[in-house]
């Protein structure tokens, strides 16, 4: 059984080229072609769209603030969410080397992973805070939570601290063994301990998804008589919420699958590696799409 503290024996199937049949070679070539095409499609279409949308959102919000000297709480939280997703897009440039992987030391890979997880947790909890702010508009402003959301700068600070602590925890769980040696680097390092994926799934998807669903249940119950009007008023929030849930569900399920391979001391197949790479690109596509949705559907941006 592989111990949780020794991941040095695990490697990517594409790096173990001991093929026993022509079918295996053909499967390997096909998976390499698919991931290469997906990467080119992402870089050519999603990255420019996401970055242009993100820059436009920043300009619009800054221009509105300079003009009116005030910014709505919801707009401030969406601005924070936008910045987090722009960071995610820049970090996604690490997929340019696919179907190969970025070559870096264990330490450099862990640092990249830390910043990636910071953006990942930050955007997730920033959106939960956005949903909570939307929900509390339906409640009297005298409640404790309503008073808290009236101080969005404080809320953003709290989200940043949570994201930093969770990213630091994930970085510790990646491990510091062989920090000076070169490795094939992915933003979720293959050499990370299994606890890394478990913590990421729990705090990056499990808990946020539960909170997201809870917010929607209460919101739908509260706004039942005028639900259609509420959705028309805040379409961006509902569209983004759906895309985040679907894309991150796929990504996190693949993360857990990879953990089972680690625990079984198995490298999996080229197909498993392909699906994990697809899940990573889908996650980055979601960051780009979220910015486009804000630009197209959020009223101040329209």
Protein backbone atom coordinates (compact mmCIF):
# COMPACT_ATOMS: atom_id res chain seq x y z
CA UNK A 1 0.00 0.00 0.00
CA UNK A 2 1.28 3.46 -0.88
CA UNK A 3 1.75 5.70 2.14
CA UNK A 4 0.23 9.16 2.05
CA UNK A 5 3.70 10.70 2.34
CA UNK A 6 5.41 9.04 -0.62
CA UNK A 7 4.17 9.92 -4.09
CA UNK A 8 7.54 9.62 -5.83
CA UNK A 9 6.56 6.30 -7.43
CA UNK A 10 3.66 7.76 -9.41
CA UNK A 11 3.93 9.19 -12.91
CA UNK A 12 1.80 10.07 -15.92
CA UNK A 13 0.77 7.20 -18.24
CA UNK A 14 2.10 9.25 -21.19
CA UNK A 15 5.56 9.11 -19.60
CA UNK A 16 5.51 5.32 -19.39
CA UNK A 17 5.74 4.30 -23.01
CA UNK A 18 5.83 0.51 -22.55
CA UNK A 19 3.16 -0.43 -25.09
CA UNK A 20 2.21 -4.07 -25.59
CA UNK A 21 0.04 -3.74 -28.70
CA UNK A 22 -0.73 -1.45 -31.64
CA UNK A 23 -4.14 -0.70 -30.04
CA UNK A 24 -2.38 0.85 -27.04
CA UNK A 25 -0.18 2.96 -29.32
CA UNK A 26 -3.21 4.15 -31.32
CA UNK A 27 -5.11 4.99 -28.10
CA UNK A 28 -2.11 6.96 -26.86
CA UNK A 29 -1.75 8.94 -30.12
CA UNK A 30 -5.50 9.65 -30.20
CA UNK A 31 -5.53 10.97 -26.61
CA UNK A 32 -2.49 13.17 -27.32
CA UNK A 33 -4.22 14.61 -30.42
CA UNK A 34 -7.44 15.34 -28.54
CA UNK A 35 -5.76 17.20 -25.67
CA UNK A 36 -3.58 19.16 -28.11
CA UNK A 37 -6.63 20.29 -30.12
CA UNK A 38 -8.56 21.22 -26.98
CA UNK A 39 -5.63 23.26 -25.73
CA UNK A 40 -5.37 25.15 -29.02
CA UNK A 41 -9.15 25.76 -29.03
CA UNK A 42 -9.00 27.08 -25.45
CA UNK A 43 -6.04 29.39 -26.13
CA UNK A 44 -7.49 30.65 -29.44
CA UNK A 45 -11.10 31.30 -28.39
CA UNK A 46 -11.72 31.19 -24.64
CA UNK A 47 -8.62 33.06 -23.39
CA UNK A 48 -9.07 36.16 -25.62
CA UNK A 49 -12.84 36.23 -24.88
CA UNK A 50 -12.29 35.93 -21.13
CA UNK A 51 -9.50 38.51 -20.95
CA UNK A 52 -11.32 41.05 -23.15
CA UNK A 53 -14.52 40.60 -21.10
CA UNK A 54 -12.56 40.89 -17.83
CA UNK A 55 -10.81 44.11 -18.92
CA UNK A 56 -14.13 45.60 -20.10
CA UNK A 57 -15.76 44.78 -16.74
CA UNK A 58 -12.89 46.42 -14.84
CA UNK A 59 -13.11 49.55 -17.02
CA UNK A 60 -16.92 49.77 -16.65
CA UNK A 61 -16.89 49.36 -12.85
CA UNK A 62 -14.01 51.84 -12.40
CA UNK A 63 -15.69 54.35 -14.75
CA UNK A 64 -19.00 54.00 -12.86
CA UNK A 65 -17.23 54.52 -9.54
CA UNK A 66 -15.40 57.63 -10.77
CA UNK A 67 -18.65 59.02 -12.18
CA UNK A 68 -20.97 58.32 -9.23
CA UNK A 69 -18.40 58.00 -6.38
CA UNK A 70 -20.28 54.93 -5.16
CA UNK A 71 -20.31 51.25 -6.05
CA UNK A 72 -23.08 48.79 -5.24
CA UNK A 73 -22.21 45.95 -2.86
CA UNK A 74 -23.14 43.38 -5.52
CA UNK A 75 -20.95 45.15 -8.09
CA UNK A 76 -17.99 45.21 -5.71
CA UNK A 77 -18.29 41.47 -5.09
CA UNK A 78 -18.58 40.77 -8.83
CA UNK A 79 -15.50 42.97 -9.35
CA UNK A 80 -13.62 40.80 -6.83
CA UNK A 81 -14.91 37.68 -8.60
CA UNK A 82 -13.74 39.12 -11.95
CA UNK A 83 -10.20 39.78 -10.69
CA UNK A 84 -10.01 36.21 -9.29
CA UNK A 85 -11.01 34.77 -12.65
CA UNK A 86 -8.51 36.93 -14.55
CA UNK A 87 -5.77 35.50 -12.28
CA UNK A 88 -7.06 31.99 -13.07
CA UNK A 89 -6.88 32.71 -16.81
CA UNK A 90 -3.25 33.89 -16.58
CA UNK A 91 -2.31 30.75 -14.60
CA UNK A 92 -4.05 28.63 -17.23
CA UNK A 93 -1.25 29.48 -19.67
CA UNK A 94 0.58 26.53 -18.10
CA UNK A 95 -1.53 24.27 -20.39
CA UNK A 96 0.23 25.67 -23.50
CA UNK A 97 2.75 22.81 -23.31
CA UNK A 98 0.02 20.12 -23.56
CA UNK A 99 0.01 17.25 -24.40
CA UNK A 100 3.34 17.53 -22.58
CA UNK A 101 3.67 19.14 -19.14
CA UNK A 102 5.47 22.18 -17.83
CA UNK A 103 8.97 21.28 -16.61
CA UNK A 104 9.72 22.81 -13.20
CA UNK A 105 11.21 21.95 -9.83
CA UNK A 106 8.94 20.50 -7.14
CA UNK A 107 9.21 23.81 -5.25
CA UNK A 108 8.30 25.98 -8.29
CA UNK A 109 5.40 23.66 -9.09
CA UNK A 110 4.14 23.94 -5.49
CA UNK A 111 4.32 27.76 -5.68
CA UNK A 112 2.32 27.74 -8.94
CA UNK A 113 -0.18 25.38 -7.31
CA UNK A 114 -0.52 27.76 -4.33
CA UNK A 115 -1.45 30.74 -6.55
CA UNK A 116 -3.79 28.58 -8.63
CA UNK A 117 -5.59 27.33 -5.51
CA UNK A 118 -5.74 30.87 -4.14
CA UNK A 119 -7.59 31.99 -7.28
CA UNK A 120 -9.73 28.84 -7.25
CA UNK A 121 -10.89 29.15 -3.61
CA UNK A 122 -11.15 32.93 -3.87
CA UNK A 123 -13.48 32.89 -6.89
CA UNK A 124 -15.60 30.11 -5.38
CA UNK A 125 -16.18 31.84 -2.03
CA UNK A 126 -16.49 35.28 -3.62
CA UNK A 127 -19.41 33.95 -5.65
CA UNK A 128 -21.00 32.35 -2.57
CA UNK A 129 -20.76 35.77 -0.92
CA UNK A 130 -22.41 37.31 -3.99
CA UNK A 131 -25.29 34.82 -3.70
CA UNK A 132 -25.60 35.56 0.02
CA UNK A 133 -25.77 39.31 -0.66
CA UNK A 134 -28.48 38.71 -3.25
CA UNK A 135 -30.39 36.50 -0.82
CA UNK A 136 -30.22 38.98 2.05
CA UNK A 137 -31.80 41.71 -0.10
CA UNK A 138 -35.05 39.82 0.56
CA UNK A 139 -34.63 40.06 4.34
CA UNK A 140 -34.92 43.03 6.73
CA UNK A 141 -31.66 45.03 6.86
CA UNK A 142 -31.61 44.70 10.65
CA UNK A 143 -30.49 41.05 10.67
CA UNK A 144 -26.86 40.35 11.66
CA UNK A 145 -25.94 38.84 8.28
CA UNK A 146 -27.52 41.75 6.41
CA UNK A 147 -25.45 44.19 8.46
CA UNK A 148 -22.32 42.17 7.67
CA UNK A 149 -22.96 42.25 3.91
CA UNK A 150 -23.42 46.03 4.13
CA UNK A 151 -19.65 46.13 4.68
CA UNK A 152 -18.46 44.41 1.48
CA UNK A 153 -14.79 45.41 1.94
CA UNK A 154 -14.77 43.49 5.22
CA UNK A 155 -16.46 40.51 3.52
CA UNK A 156 -13.92 40.53 0.69
CA UNK A 157 -11.11 40.64 3.26
CA UNK A 158 -12.61 37.63 5.03
CA UNK A 159 -12.83 35.69 1.73
CA UNK A 160 -9.20 36.54 0.92
CA UNK A 161 -8.03 35.31 4.33
CA UNK A 162 -10.03 32.05 3.95
CA UNK A 163 -8.65 31.51 0.43
CA UNK A 164 -5.09 32.16 1.63
CA UNK A 165 -5.41 29.70 4.55
CA UNK A 166 -6.93 26.98 2.36
CA UNK A 167 -4.25 27.49 -0.33
CA UNK A 168 -1.52 27.31 2.29
CA UNK A 169 -3.01 24.08 3.66
CA UNK A 170 -3.11 22.62 0.14
CA UNK A 171 0.54 23.69 -0.43
CA UNK A 172 1.58 21.89 2.77
CA UNK A 173 -0.27 18.76 1.63
CA UNK A 174 1.54 18.83 -1.72
CA UNK A 175 4.67 18.08 0.29
CA UNK A 176 8.20 19.47 0.24
CA UNK A 177 10.04 16.25 -0.65
CA UNK A 178 12.66 16.53 -3.41
CA UNK A 179 11.89 20.26 -3.74
CA UNK A 180 15.04 20.86 -5.84
CA UNK A 181 14.36 18.09 -8.40
CA UNK A 182 12.66 18.69 -11.76
CA UNK A 183 9.22 17.27 -12.40
CA UNK A 184 6.32 17.31 -14.86
CA UNK A 185 4.24 20.11 -13.36
CA UNK A 186 0.48 20.43 -13.40
CA UNK A 187 -1.37 23.07 -11.34
CA UNK A 188 -2.75 20.19 -9.27
CA UNK A 189 0.61 18.39 -8.87
CA UNK A 190 0.54 14.66 -9.48
CA UNK A 191 3.10 14.20 -6.70
CA UNK A 192 0.77 15.79 -4.10
CA UNK A 193 -0.41 13.57 -1.24
CA UNK A 194 -3.93 12.11 -1.56
CA UNK A 195 -5.06 14.38 1.28
CA UNK A 196 -4.47 17.34 -1.07
CA UNK A 197 -7.27 16.24 -3.41
CA UNK A 198 -9.57 15.36 -0.49
CA UNK A 199 -9.13 18.82 1.09
CA UNK A 200 -9.57 20.51 -2.29
CA UNK A 201 -12.77 18.57 -3.01
CA UNK A 202 -14.21 19.23 0.46
CA UNK A 203 -13.45 22.95 0.76
CA UNK A 204 -13.35 23.83 -2.95
CA UNK A 205 -16.50 22.05 -4.05
CA UNK A 206 -18.38 20.09 -1.36
CA UNK A 207 -18.97 22.85 1.20
CA UNK A 208 -19.38 25.70 -1.35
CA UNK A 209 -21.88 23.64 -3.40
CA UNK A 210 -23.90 22.88 -0.26
CA UNK A 211 -23.95 26.61 0.60
CA UNK A 212 -24.84 27.50 -2.99
CA UNK A 213 -27.77 25.06 -3.07
CA UNK A 214 -28.92 26.27 0.37
CA UNK A 215 -28.87 29.90 -0.82
CA UNK A 216 -30.96 29.00 -3.87
CA UNK A 217 -33.50 27.00 -1.86
CA UNK A 218 -34.07 29.93 0.54
CA UNK A 219 -34.03 32.43 -2.36
CA UNK A 220 -36.59 30.48 -4.37
CA UNK A 221 -38.81 30.07 -1.30
CA UNK A 222 -38.56 33.78 -0.49
CA UNK A 223 -38.99 35.03 -4.06
CA UNK A 224 -41.53 32.39 -5.19
CA UNK A 225 -44.27 34.91 -6.16
CA UNK A 226 -41.92 36.96 -8.33
CA UNK A 227 -39.22 34.42 -9.17
CA UNK A 228 -39.23 35.06 -12.94
CA UNK A 229 -38.80 38.78 -12.36
CA UNK A 230 -35.96 38.13 -9.90
CA UNK A 231 -34.15 35.93 -12.44
CA UNK A 232 -34.62 38.65 -15.12
CA UNK A 233 -33.15 41.22 -12.71
CA UNK A 234 -30.04 39.16 -11.89
CA UNK A 235 -29.57 36.79 -14.88
CA UNK A 236 -25.74 36.80 -14.69
CA UNK A 237 -25.75 35.35 -11.14
CA UNK A 238 -28.05 32.46 -12.09
CA UNK A 239 -26.18 31.63 -15.32
CA UNK A 240 -22.75 31.76 -13.64
CA UNK A 241 -23.99 29.67 -10.73
CA UNK A 242 -25.11 26.91 -13.12
CA UNK A 243 -21.88 26.94 -15.16
CA UNK A 244 -19.69 26.94 -12.01
CA UNK A 245 -21.55 23.97 -10.55
CA UNK A 246 -21.45 21.85 -13.73
CA UNK A 247 -17.81 22.56 -14.65
CA UNK A 248 -16.45 22.22 -11.13
CA UNK A 249 -18.45 19.04 -10.52
CA UNK A 250 -16.75 17.40 -13.51
CA UNK A 251 -13.33 18.71 -12.46
CA UNK A 252 -13.66 17.59 -8.83
CA UNK A 253 -14.96 14.12 -9.73
CA UNK A 254 -11.84 13.67 -11.89
CA UNK A 255 -9.66 14.90 -9.00
CA UNK A 256 -11.17 12.20 -6.76
CA UNK A 257 -10.67 9.55 -9.44
CA UNK A 258 -6.99 10.49 -9.58
CA UNK A 259 -6.78 10.09 -5.80
CA UNK A 260 -8.07 6.51 -6.05
CA UNK A 261 -5.27 5.73 -8.53
CA UNK A 262 -2.72 7.16 -6.10
CA UNK A 263 -4.04 5.06 -3.22
CA UNK A 264 -3.95 1.95 -5.43
CA UNK A 265 -0.38 2.79 -6.55
CA UNK A 266 -1.62 2.80 -10.14
CA UNK A 267 -0.75 5.22 -12.94
CA UNK A 268 -4.04 4.63 -14.76
CA UNK A 269 -4.36 4.68 -18.55
CA UNK A 270 -3.79 7.34 -21.24
CA UNK A 271 -7.60 7.71 -21.32
CA UNK A 272 -7.67 8.55 -17.58
CA UNK A 273 -4.93 11.12 -18.12
CA UNK A 274 -6.83 12.58 -21.10
CA UNK A 275 -10.06 13.02 -19.09
CA UNK A 276 -8.16 14.71 -16.22
CA UNK A 277 -6.58 17.12 -18.71
CA UNK A 278 -10.01 17.81 -20.26
CA UNK A 279 -11.42 18.50 -16.78
CA UNK A 280 -8.63 21.03 -16.11
CA UNK A 281 -9.28 22.87 -19.39
CA UNK A 282 -13.06 22.82 -18.72
CA UNK A 283 -12.34 24.52 -15.37
CA UNK A 284 -10.39 27.27 -17.13
CA UNK A 285 -13.10 27.62 -19.78
CA UNK A 286 -15.59 28.23 -16.94
CA UNK A 287 -13.44 31.15 -15.67
CA UNK A 288 -13.49 32.72 -19.15
CA UNK A 289 -17.20 32.07 -19.66
CA UNK A 290 -18.11 33.59 -16.26
CA UNK A 291 -16.51 36.90 -17.29
CA UNK A 292 -18.36 36.88 -20.62
CA UNK A 293 -21.65 36.21 -18.76
CA UNK A 294 -21.05 39.16 -16.40
CA UNK A 295 -20.29 41.45 -19.34
CA UNK A 296 -23.33 40.33 -21.34
CA UNK A 297 -25.95 39.87 -18.64
CA UNK A 298 -25.08 42.05 -15.60
CA UNK A 299 -27.14 45.23 -15.89
CA UNK A 300 -24.40 47.88 -15.20
CA UNK A 301 -22.19 46.21 -17.83
CA UNK A 302 -24.97 45.94 -20.40
